[in-house]
Amino acid sequence: MFDVLMYLFETYIHTDVDAMVEQDALADELTQAGFHKEEILKALAWLERLAELQEAEAAPTWARSAPDSFRIYTQEELYKIDAEGRGFLLFLEQIKVLDAETREIVIDRLMELDPPEIELDDLKWVVMMVLFNVPGSESAYQQLEELIFEQPEGAVH
């Protein structure tokens, strides 16, 4: 499923192609690209849930918390998101790329992915997908993109 999401993000969203494509036509295109129908349906459902979360007028109750609160992960989340991933999410909160609401949307979307454990690179892509789809997160998206893709200047010792 994650491969389908990456394909969609890179093909339609990240390249500024018109993303208003009929779902059946999109499913046909993804099938022709070599993806299995089950994975396509899972990815489309994942994206629909992301759209529902970002279109909601108010944050879901599970996404509301005080600005100075600390996130305690469930046992399932601890298993799926390793210490490096949780540390990265905390770092993104500390530099104001994520707030409590977007962090919770990211965690919700991570928990719906197939792999039992999420690699850091995959987590970064999910954060980018979430920020790209949440209105008002344009500067946070750009900051994350720069953080991930810009190479440090100068000699590395």
N, C-alpha and C. Protein backbone atom coordinates (compact mmCIF):
# COMPACT_ATOMS: atom_id res chain seq x y z
N MET A 1 0.82 -1.18 0.00
CA MET A 1 0.00 0.00 0.00
C MET A 1 0.87 1.25 0.00
N PHE A 2 1.97 1.25 0.75
CA PHE A 2 2.81 2.44 0.82
C PHE A 2 3.40 2.78 -0.54
N ASP A 3 3.73 1.77 -1.33
CA ASP A 3 4.26 2.02 -2.67
C ASP A 3 3.23 2.75 -3.53
N VAL A 4 1.97 2.39 -3.39
CA VAL A 4 0.90 3.06 -4.13
C VAL A 4 0.80 4.52 -3.67
N LEU A 5 0.84 4.75 -2.37
CA LEU A 5 0.78 6.11 -1.84
C LEU A 5 1.94 6.96 -2.35
N MET A 6 3.12 6.38 -2.35
CA MET A 6 4.30 7.11 -2.84
C MET A 6 4.15 7.44 -4.32
N TYR A 7 3.68 6.49 -5.09
CA TYR A 7 3.47 6.71 -6.52
C TYR A 7 2.48 7.86 -6.73
N LEU A 8 1.38 7.83 -6.00
CA LEU A 8 0.37 8.88 -6.14
C LEU A 8 0.93 10.24 -5.72
N PHE A 9 1.64 10.26 -4.62
CA PHE A 9 2.18 11.52 -4.12
C PHE A 9 3.17 12.11 -5.12
N GLU A 10 4.07 11.28 -5.63
CA GLU A 10 5.07 11.76 -6.56
C GLU A 10 4.48 12.10 -7.92
N THR A 11 3.48 11.36 -8.37
CA THR A 11 2.91 11.56 -9.69
C THR A 11 1.90 12.69 -9.74
N TYR A 12 1.02 12.75 -8.76
CA TYR A 12 -0.08 13.71 -8.83
C TYR A 12 0.10 14.92 -7.95
N ILE A 13 0.63 14.73 -6.79
CA ILE A 13 0.66 15.82 -5.82
C ILE A 13 1.96 16.58 -5.90
N HIS A 14 3.05 15.89 -5.79
CA HIS A 14 4.34 16.55 -5.69
C HIS A 14 4.78 17.16 -7.01
N THR A 15 4.18 16.76 -8.14
CA THR A 15 4.58 17.28 -9.45
C THR A 15 3.61 18.33 -9.98
N ASP A 16 2.67 18.77 -9.16
CA ASP A 16 1.68 19.78 -9.53
C ASP A 16 0.78 19.37 -10.69
N VAL A 17 0.60 18.09 -10.92
CA VAL A 17 -0.35 17.61 -11.91
C VAL A 17 -1.74 17.76 -11.31
N ASP A 18 -2.73 18.03 -12.15
CA ASP A 18 -4.10 18.18 -11.66
C ASP A 18 -4.51 16.90 -10.93
N ALA A 19 -4.75 17.00 -9.63
CA ALA A 19 -5.05 15.84 -8.80
C ALA A 19 -6.51 15.44 -8.83
N MET A 20 -7.33 16.17 -9.54
CA MET A 20 -8.76 15.86 -9.61
C MET A 20 -8.99 14.78 -10.66
N VAL A 21 -8.73 13.54 -10.30
CA VAL A 21 -8.87 12.41 -11.20
C VAL A 21 -9.95 11.52 -10.62
N GLU A 22 -10.81 11.01 -11.49
CA GLU A 22 -11.87 10.10 -11.03
C GLU A 22 -11.22 8.85 -10.44
N GLN A 23 -11.81 8.37 -9.35
CA GLN A 23 -11.22 7.26 -8.62
C GLN A 23 -11.11 6.00 -9.48
N ASP A 24 -12.11 5.70 -10.30
CA ASP A 24 -12.04 4.51 -11.16
C ASP A 24 -10.93 4.63 -12.19
N ALA A 25 -10.77 5.82 -12.76
CA ALA A 25 -9.70 6.03 -13.74
C ALA A 25 -8.34 5.92 -13.06
N LEU A 26 -8.26 6.43 -11.86
CA LEU A 26 -7.03 6.34 -11.10
C LEU A 26 -6.69 4.89 -10.77
N ALA A 27 -7.69 4.14 -10.36
CA ALA A 27 -7.48 2.72 -10.05
C ALA A 27 -7.02 1.96 -11.30
N ASP A 28 -7.61 2.28 -12.44
CA ASP A 28 -7.18 1.64 -13.69
C ASP A 28 -5.73 1.98 -14.02
N GLU A 29 -5.37 3.25 -13.86
CA GLU A 29 -4.00 3.67 -14.13
C GLU A 29 -3.02 2.96 -13.20
N LEU A 30 -3.39 2.86 -11.91
CA LEU A 30 -2.51 2.20 -10.94
C LEU A 30 -2.38 0.71 -11.26
N THR A 31 -3.46 0.09 -11.72
CA THR A 31 -3.41 -1.32 -12.12
C THR A 31 -2.46 -1.49 -13.31
N GLN A 32 -2.56 -0.58 -14.28
CA GLN A 32 -1.68 -0.64 -15.44
C GLN A 32 -0.23 -0.39 -15.05
N ALA A 33 -0.02 0.37 -13.98
CA ALA A 33 1.34 0.64 -13.49
C ALA A 33 1.91 -0.57 -12.74
N GLY A 34 1.07 -1.59 -12.52
CA GLY A 34 1.56 -2.82 -11.90
C GLY A 34 1.18 -3.04 -10.45
N PHE A 35 0.33 -2.18 -9.90
CA PHE A 35 -0.09 -2.35 -8.51
C PHE A 35 -1.29 -3.29 -8.43
N HIS A 36 -1.36 -4.03 -7.34
CA HIS A 36 -2.48 -4.96 -7.12
C HIS A 36 -3.71 -4.20 -6.66
N LYS A 37 -4.87 -4.69 -7.08
CA LYS A 37 -6.13 -4.01 -6.79
C LYS A 37 -6.35 -3.83 -5.29
N GLU A 38 -6.03 -4.84 -4.49
CA GLU A 38 -6.20 -4.75 -3.03
C GLU A 38 -5.37 -3.62 -2.44
N GLU A 39 -4.13 -3.49 -2.90
CA GLU A 39 -3.25 -2.42 -2.42
C GLU A 39 -3.75 -1.05 -2.87
N ILE A 40 -4.29 -0.98 -4.07
CA ILE A 40 -4.84 0.27 -4.59
C ILE A 40 -6.02 0.72 -3.74
N LEU A 41 -6.92 -0.22 -3.44
CA LEU A 41 -8.09 0.12 -2.64
C LEU A 41 -7.70 0.57 -1.24
N LYS A 42 -6.72 -0.10 -0.65
CA LYS A 42 -6.23 0.31 0.68
C LYS A 42 -5.65 1.72 0.64
N ALA A 43 -4.85 2.00 -0.38
CA ALA A 43 -4.22 3.32 -0.50
C ALA A 43 -5.28 4.41 -0.70
N LEU A 44 -6.27 4.14 -1.54
CA LEU A 44 -7.32 5.13 -1.77
C LEU A 44 -8.14 5.38 -0.51
N ALA A 45 -8.39 4.31 0.26
CA ALA A 45 -9.12 4.47 1.53
C ALA A 45 -8.26 5.27 2.52
N TRP A 46 -6.97 5.03 2.54
CA TRP A 46 -6.03 5.77 3.40
C TRP A 46 -6.09 7.25 3.08
N LEU A 47 -6.07 7.57 1.78
CA LEU A 47 -6.13 8.97 1.36
C LEU A 47 -7.48 9.61 1.66
N GLU A 48 -8.55 8.84 1.53
CA GLU A 48 -9.88 9.35 1.87
C GLU A 48 -9.95 9.71 3.35
N ARG A 49 -9.40 8.86 4.19
CA ARG A 49 -9.40 9.13 5.63
C ARG A 49 -8.55 10.37 5.94
N LEU A 50 -7.43 10.53 5.26
CA LEU A 50 -6.61 11.72 5.43
C LEU A 50 -7.41 12.96 5.05
N ALA A 51 -8.13 12.89 3.94
CA ALA A 51 -8.94 14.02 3.50
C ALA A 51 -10.04 14.33 4.52
N GLU A 52 -10.65 13.29 5.08
CA GLU A 52 -11.69 13.49 6.10
C GLU A 52 -11.10 14.19 7.33
N LEU A 53 -9.93 13.78 7.75
CA LEU A 53 -9.29 14.37 8.92
C LEU A 53 -8.94 15.83 8.68
N GLN A 54 -8.44 16.15 7.50
CA GLN A 54 -8.03 17.52 7.25
C GLN A 54 -9.19 18.43 6.91
N GLU A 55 -10.32 17.87 6.47
CA GLU A 55 -11.49 18.69 6.14
C GLU A 55 -12.40 18.94 7.33
N ALA A 56 -12.17 18.22 8.41
CA ALA A 56 -13.02 18.38 9.59
C ALA A 56 -12.91 19.81 10.11
N GLU A 57 -14.04 20.37 10.52
CA GLU A 57 -14.06 21.75 11.01
C GLU A 57 -13.27 21.89 12.31
N ALA A 58 -13.35 20.90 13.16
CA ALA A 58 -12.60 20.92 14.42
C ALA A 58 -11.77 19.64 14.49
N ALA A 59 -10.68 19.73 15.17
CA ALA A 59 -9.82 18.56 15.33
C ALA A 59 -10.59 17.47 16.08
N PRO A 60 -10.38 16.21 15.69
CA PRO A 60 -11.01 15.12 16.46
C PRO A 60 -10.58 15.20 17.91
N THR A 61 -11.40 14.70 18.80
CA THR A 61 -11.07 14.80 20.22
C THR A 61 -9.73 14.15 20.53
N TRP A 62 -9.37 13.08 19.82
CA TRP A 62 -8.09 12.43 20.08
C TRP A 62 -6.91 13.27 19.61
N ALA A 63 -7.15 14.32 18.82
CA ALA A 63 -6.07 15.16 18.32
C ALA A 63 -5.93 16.46 19.10
N ARG A 64 -6.77 16.65 20.10
CA ARG A 64 -6.70 17.89 20.88
C ARG A 64 -5.87 17.67 22.13
N SER A 65 -4.96 18.60 22.35
CA SER A 65 -4.17 18.55 23.58
C SER A 65 -3.63 19.94 23.86
N ALA A 66 -3.25 20.15 25.09
CA ALA A 66 -2.67 21.44 25.47
C ALA A 66 -1.30 21.58 24.81
N PRO A 67 -0.91 22.81 24.46
CA PRO A 67 0.37 23.02 23.78
C PRO A 67 1.58 22.51 24.56
N ASP A 68 1.51 22.49 25.86
CA ASP A 68 2.66 22.06 26.65
C ASP A 68 2.55 20.60 27.10
N SER A 69 1.62 19.86 26.54
CA SER A 69 1.45 18.46 26.94
C SER A 69 2.50 17.58 26.27
N PHE A 70 2.66 16.38 26.80
CA PHE A 70 3.64 15.42 26.29
C PHE A 70 2.88 14.21 25.79
N ARG A 71 3.22 13.71 24.63
CA ARG A 71 2.51 12.59 24.02
C ARG A 71 2.99 11.27 24.60
N ILE A 72 2.06 10.49 25.12
CA ILE A 72 2.35 9.14 25.59
C ILE A 72 1.82 8.18 24.53
N TYR A 73 2.67 7.31 24.03
CA TYR A 73 2.31 6.39 22.96
C TYR A 73 1.69 5.11 23.52
N THR A 74 0.72 4.56 22.79
CA THR A 74 0.13 3.28 23.16
C THR A 74 1.13 2.17 22.87
N GLN A 75 0.86 0.98 23.37
CA GLN A 75 1.75 -0.15 23.14
C GLN A 75 1.86 -0.45 21.64
N GLU A 76 0.74 -0.39 20.91
CA GLU A 76 0.75 -0.64 19.47
C GLU A 76 1.59 0.42 18.74
N GLU A 77 1.46 1.68 19.16
CA GLU A 77 2.23 2.75 18.54
C GLU A 77 3.72 2.59 18.82
N LEU A 78 4.06 2.19 20.04
CA LEU A 78 5.46 1.97 20.39
C LEU A 78 6.07 0.88 19.53
N TYR A 79 5.29 -0.14 19.23
CA TYR A 79 5.79 -1.24 18.41
C TYR A 79 5.97 -0.80 16.96
N LYS A 80 5.02 -0.04 16.44
CA LYS A 80 5.03 0.34 15.03
C LYS A 80 6.00 1.50 14.75
N ILE A 81 6.06 2.46 15.66
CA ILE A 81 6.91 3.64 15.47
C ILE A 81 8.07 3.53 16.46
N ASP A 82 9.24 3.23 15.96
CA ASP A 82 10.38 3.01 16.85
C ASP A 82 10.86 4.31 17.49
N ALA A 83 11.86 4.20 18.36
CA ALA A 83 12.36 5.35 19.11
C ALA A 83 12.88 6.44 18.17
N GLU A 84 13.52 6.05 17.09
CA GLU A 84 14.02 7.04 16.13
C GLU A 84 12.86 7.81 15.49
N GLY A 85 11.80 7.11 15.14
CA GLY A 85 10.64 7.76 14.55
C GLY A 85 9.93 8.66 15.54
N ARG A 86 9.76 8.20 16.77
CA ARG A 86 9.13 9.03 17.80
C ARG A 86 9.98 10.26 18.10
N GLY A 87 11.29 10.07 18.12
CA GLY A 87 12.20 11.19 18.33
C GLY A 87 12.09 12.22 17.21
N PHE A 88 11.95 11.73 15.98
CA PHE A 88 11.81 12.64 14.85
C PHE A 88 10.50 13.42 14.95
N LEU A 89 9.42 12.76 15.34
CA LEU A 89 8.15 13.46 15.51
C LEU A 89 8.27 14.54 16.59
N LEU A 90 8.92 14.21 17.70
CA LEU A 90 9.13 15.18 18.77
C LEU A 90 9.97 16.36 18.27
N PHE A 91 11.02 16.06 17.52
CA PHE A 91 11.86 17.11 16.95
C PHE A 91 11.02 18.03 16.05
N LEU A 92 10.16 17.45 15.22
CA LEU A 92 9.32 18.26 14.33
C LEU A 92 8.36 19.15 15.13
N GLU A 93 7.89 18.65 16.26
CA GLU A 93 7.05 19.49 17.13
C GLU A 93 7.87 20.63 17.74
N GLN A 94 9.08 20.31 18.17
CA GLN A 94 9.92 21.32 18.81
C GLN A 94 10.31 22.45 17.87
N ILE A 95 10.48 22.14 16.58
CA ILE A 95 10.83 23.20 15.62
C ILE A 95 9.58 23.75 14.93
N LYS A 96 8.40 23.38 15.45
CA LYS A 96 7.11 23.92 15.00
C LYS A 96 6.72 23.52 13.58
N VAL A 97 7.25 22.40 13.09
CA VAL A 97 6.78 21.86 11.81
C VAL A 97 5.44 21.16 12.04
N LEU A 98 5.34 20.45 13.15
CA LEU A 98 4.09 19.79 13.54
C LEU A 98 3.55 20.48 14.79
N ASP A 99 2.23 20.51 14.89
CA ASP A 99 1.59 20.87 16.15
C ASP A 99 0.90 19.61 16.66
N ALA A 100 0.22 19.70 17.77
CA ALA A 100 -0.40 18.51 18.36
C ALA A 100 -1.40 17.87 17.39
N GLU A 101 -2.16 18.70 16.69
CA GLU A 101 -3.17 18.15 15.78
C GLU A 101 -2.53 17.43 14.59
N THR A 102 -1.56 18.06 13.95
CA THR A 102 -0.94 17.41 12.79
C THR A 102 -0.12 16.19 13.22
N ARG A 103 0.47 16.24 14.41
CA ARG A 103 1.19 15.06 14.93
C ARG A 103 0.24 13.88 15.06
N GLU A 104 -0.95 14.15 15.60
CA GLU A 104 -1.91 13.06 15.78
C GLU A 104 -2.43 12.53 14.45
N ILE A 105 -2.59 13.41 13.47
CA ILE A 105 -3.00 12.94 12.14
C ILE A 105 -1.90 12.06 11.55
N VAL A 106 -0.65 12.47 11.71
CA VAL A 106 0.47 11.67 11.23
C VAL A 106 0.47 10.30 11.91
N ILE A 107 0.32 10.27 13.21
CA ILE A 107 0.32 8.99 13.93
C ILE A 107 -0.85 8.13 13.49
N ASP A 108 -2.02 8.74 13.33
CA ASP A 108 -3.19 8.00 12.85
C ASP A 108 -2.92 7.37 11.49
N ARG A 109 -2.33 8.12 10.58
CA ARG A 109 -2.05 7.61 9.24
C ARG A 109 -0.94 6.57 9.26
N LEU A 110 0.06 6.74 10.12
CA LEU A 110 1.12 5.74 10.25
C LEU A 110 0.56 4.40 10.73
N MET A 111 -0.36 4.47 11.67
CA MET A 111 -0.91 3.24 12.25
C MET A 111 -1.75 2.46 11.24
N GLU A 112 -2.19 3.12 10.18
CA GLU A 112 -2.99 2.44 9.16
C GLU A 112 -2.15 1.82 8.05
N LEU A 113 -0.85 2.04 8.08
CA LEU A 113 0.02 1.45 7.06
C LEU A 113 0.25 -0.03 7.34
N ASP A 114 0.54 -0.78 6.29
CA ASP A 114 0.70 -2.23 6.39
C ASP A 114 1.90 -2.72 7.18
N PRO A 115 3.08 -2.16 6.98
CA PRO A 115 4.23 -2.78 7.66
C PRO A 115 4.06 -2.75 9.18
N PRO A 116 4.51 -3.81 9.84
CA PRO A 116 4.38 -3.84 11.30
C PRO A 116 5.24 -2.77 11.98
N GLU A 117 6.33 -2.39 11.33
CA GLU A 117 7.20 -1.33 11.86
C GLU A 117 7.46 -0.32 10.75
N ILE A 118 7.48 0.95 11.11
CA ILE A 118 7.65 2.02 10.14
C ILE A 118 9.10 2.49 10.14
N GLU A 119 9.70 2.54 8.97
CA GLU A 119 11.06 3.07 8.84
C GLU A 119 11.02 4.59 8.84
N LEU A 120 12.10 5.22 9.25
CA LEU A 120 12.16 6.67 9.37
C LEU A 120 11.87 7.35 8.03
N ASP A 121 12.41 6.84 6.93
CA ASP A 121 12.16 7.47 5.63
C ASP A 121 10.68 7.43 5.27
N ASP A 122 10.01 6.32 5.57
CA ASP A 122 8.57 6.22 5.31
C ASP A 122 7.80 7.20 6.20
N LEU A 123 8.22 7.32 7.44
CA LEU A 123 7.58 8.27 8.36
C LEU A 123 7.70 9.69 7.81
N LYS A 124 8.85 10.04 7.30
CA LYS A 124 9.06 11.38 6.74
C LYS A 124 8.09 11.62 5.58
N TRP A 125 7.90 10.63 4.73
CA TRP A 125 6.99 10.79 3.60
C TRP A 125 5.55 10.95 4.09
N VAL A 126 5.17 10.22 5.11
CA VAL A 126 3.81 10.37 5.64
C VAL A 126 3.62 11.77 6.21
N VAL A 127 4.62 12.28 6.92
CA VAL A 127 4.53 13.64 7.45
C VAL A 127 4.36 14.63 6.29
N MET A 128 5.11 14.43 5.22
CA MET A 128 4.98 15.32 4.07
C MET A 128 3.58 15.24 3.46
N MET A 129 3.05 14.03 3.33
CA MET A 129 1.71 13.87 2.77
C MET A 129 0.67 14.56 3.64
N VAL A 130 0.80 14.41 4.94
CA VAL A 130 -0.15 15.04 5.86
C VAL A 130 -0.05 16.56 5.76
N LEU A 131 1.17 17.10 5.85
CA LEU A 131 1.33 18.54 5.81
C LEU A 131 0.87 19.12 4.47
N PHE A 132 1.08 18.38 3.39
CA PHE A 132 0.65 18.86 2.09
C PHE A 132 -0.88 18.97 2.03
N ASN A 133 -1.56 18.10 2.75
CA ASN A 133 -3.02 18.05 2.68
C ASN A 133 -3.73 18.84 3.77
N VAL A 134 -3.02 19.38 4.74
CA VAL A 134 -3.65 20.13 5.82
C VAL A 134 -3.58 21.62 5.48
N PRO A 135 -4.74 22.27 5.31
CA PRO A 135 -4.73 23.70 4.99
C PRO A 135 -3.98 24.50 6.05
N GLY A 136 -3.21 25.47 5.59
CA GLY A 136 -2.46 26.32 6.51
C GLY A 136 -1.10 25.76 6.90
N SER A 137 -0.73 24.60 6.36
CA SER A 137 0.54 23.97 6.72
C SER A 137 1.60 24.14 5.63
N GLU A 138 1.39 25.08 4.73
CA GLU A 138 2.30 25.25 3.60
C GLU A 138 3.73 25.56 4.05
N SER A 139 3.88 26.46 5.00
CA SER A 139 5.23 26.81 5.45
C SER A 139 5.87 25.64 6.20
N ALA A 140 5.08 24.90 6.97
CA ALA A 140 5.62 23.72 7.67
C ALA A 140 6.05 22.66 6.65
N TYR A 141 5.25 22.50 5.59
CA TYR A 141 5.60 21.55 4.53
C TYR A 141 6.91 21.95 3.88
N GLN A 142 7.04 23.22 3.56
CA GLN A 142 8.26 23.72 2.92
C GLN A 142 9.46 23.56 3.84
N GLN A 143 9.27 23.83 5.12
CA GLN A 143 10.37 23.68 6.09
C GLN A 143 10.80 22.21 6.18
N LEU A 144 9.82 21.29 6.20
CA LEU A 144 10.15 19.87 6.25
C LEU A 144 10.85 19.43 4.98
N GLU A 145 10.36 19.91 3.85
CA GLU A 145 10.98 19.55 2.57
C GLU A 145 12.44 20.00 2.53
N GLU A 146 12.71 21.21 3.00
CA GLU A 146 14.08 21.70 3.05
C GLU A 146 14.93 20.88 4.01
N LEU A 147 14.35 20.53 5.13
CA LEU A 147 15.06 19.74 6.14
C LEU A 147 15.44 18.36 5.59
N ILE A 148 14.56 17.77 4.84
CA ILE A 148 14.78 16.41 4.34
C ILE A 148 15.66 16.38 3.10
N PHE A 149 15.42 17.31 2.17
CA PHE A 149 16.06 17.19 0.85
C PHE A 149 17.28 18.05 0.63
N GLU A 150 17.48 19.11 1.38
CA GLU A 150 18.64 19.95 1.16
C GLU A 150 19.87 19.32 1.77
N GLN A 151 20.93 19.28 0.96
CA GLN A 151 22.19 18.72 1.41
C GLN A 151 22.99 19.81 2.13
N PRO A 152 23.67 19.46 3.21
CA PRO A 152 24.50 20.47 3.89
C PRO A 152 25.63 20.94 2.98
N GLU A 153 25.93 22.23 3.08
CA GLU A 153 27.02 22.80 2.28
C GLU A 153 28.34 22.61 3.01
N GLY A 154 29.40 22.61 2.24
CA GLY A 154 30.73 22.49 2.84
C GLY A 154 31.19 21.04 2.93
N ALA A 155 32.39 20.90 3.38
CA ALA A 155 32.99 19.57 3.52
C ALA A 155 32.47 18.85 4.73
N VAL A 156 32.26 17.58 4.56
CA VAL A 156 31.84 16.73 5.68
C VAL A 156 33.07 16.00 6.17
N HIS A 157 33.37 16.09 7.44
CA HIS A 157 34.58 15.47 7.99
C HIS A 157 34.24 14.18 8.66
